Protein backbone atom coordinates (compact mmCIF):
# COMPACT_ATOMS: atom_id res chain seq x y z
CA UNK A 1 -19.13 -51.18 146.50
CA UNK A 2 -22.27 -49.65 148.07
CA UNK A 3 -25.78 -50.98 147.91
CA UNK A 4 -27.88 -50.32 144.87
CA UNK A 5 -31.59 -49.87 144.83
CA UNK A 6 -33.97 -49.52 147.78
CA UNK A 7 -32.67 -50.22 151.27
CA UNK A 8 -35.91 -49.57 153.20
CA UNK A 9 -39.55 -50.47 152.76
CA UNK A 10 -40.37 -46.83 152.08
CA UNK A 11 -37.70 -46.64 149.35
CA UNK A 12 -39.08 -49.86 147.87
CA UNK A 13 -42.61 -48.43 147.89
CA UNK A 14 -41.40 -45.28 146.16
CA UNK A 15 -39.41 -47.26 143.57
CA UNK A 16 -42.33 -49.57 142.80
CA UNK A 17 -44.65 -46.57 142.53
CA UNK A 18 -42.34 -44.94 140.00
CA UNK A 19 -41.98 -48.11 137.90
CA UNK A 20 -45.72 -48.80 137.93
CA UNK A 21 -46.49 -45.19 136.91
CA UNK A 22 -43.94 -45.36 134.07
CA UNK A 23 -45.43 -48.67 132.83
CA UNK A 24 -48.96 -47.20 132.98
CA UNK A 25 -47.79 -44.09 131.08
CA UNK A 26 -46.28 -46.40 128.44
CA UNK A 27 -49.59 -48.23 127.93
CA UNK A 28 -48.81 -51.43 129.83
CA UNK A 29 -52.00 -53.14 131.06
CA UNK A 30 -51.49 -53.47 134.82
CA UNK A 31 -55.06 -54.20 135.88
CA UNK A 32 -55.28 -56.97 138.46
CA UNK A 33 -52.12 -58.73 137.42
CA UNK A 34 -49.92 -61.23 139.18
CA UNK A 35 -46.22 -61.15 138.38
CA UNK A 36 -44.09 -64.09 139.48
CA UNK A 37 -40.50 -63.05 140.25
CA UNK A 38 -38.60 -66.33 140.12
CA UNK A 39 -34.86 -66.78 140.11
CA UNK A 40 -32.55 -69.56 138.98
CA UNK A 41 -30.21 -68.83 141.90
CA UNK A 42 -31.40 -70.85 144.92
CA UNK A 43 -29.94 -68.19 147.24
CA UNK A 44 -32.40 -65.59 145.92
CA UNK A 45 -35.98 -66.01 147.20
CA UNK A 46 -38.86 -66.15 144.73
CA UNK A 47 -41.76 -63.72 145.12
CA UNK A 48 -45.06 -62.92 143.49
CA UNK A 49 -46.10 -59.30 143.06
CA UNK A 50 -49.87 -58.76 142.78
CA UNK A 51 -51.37 -55.47 141.54
CA UNK A 52 -54.95 -54.38 142.01
CA UNK A 53 -56.21 -51.10 140.70
CA UNK A 54 -57.91 -49.12 143.43
CA UNK A 55 -61.05 -47.29 142.56
CA UNK A 56 -61.21 -43.71 143.71
């Protein structure tokens, strides 16, 4: 069975960008949020994803 999902940092960036855009389009409030990504499996590391809206 092959790998699923991103296998490079660029693929991860693209995937996150697509998910964030879809959430924004669906009305999810993403402004300056922290999202803990914790797992019950001790073999999977925990992360925290932080989003900050950039002003253009």
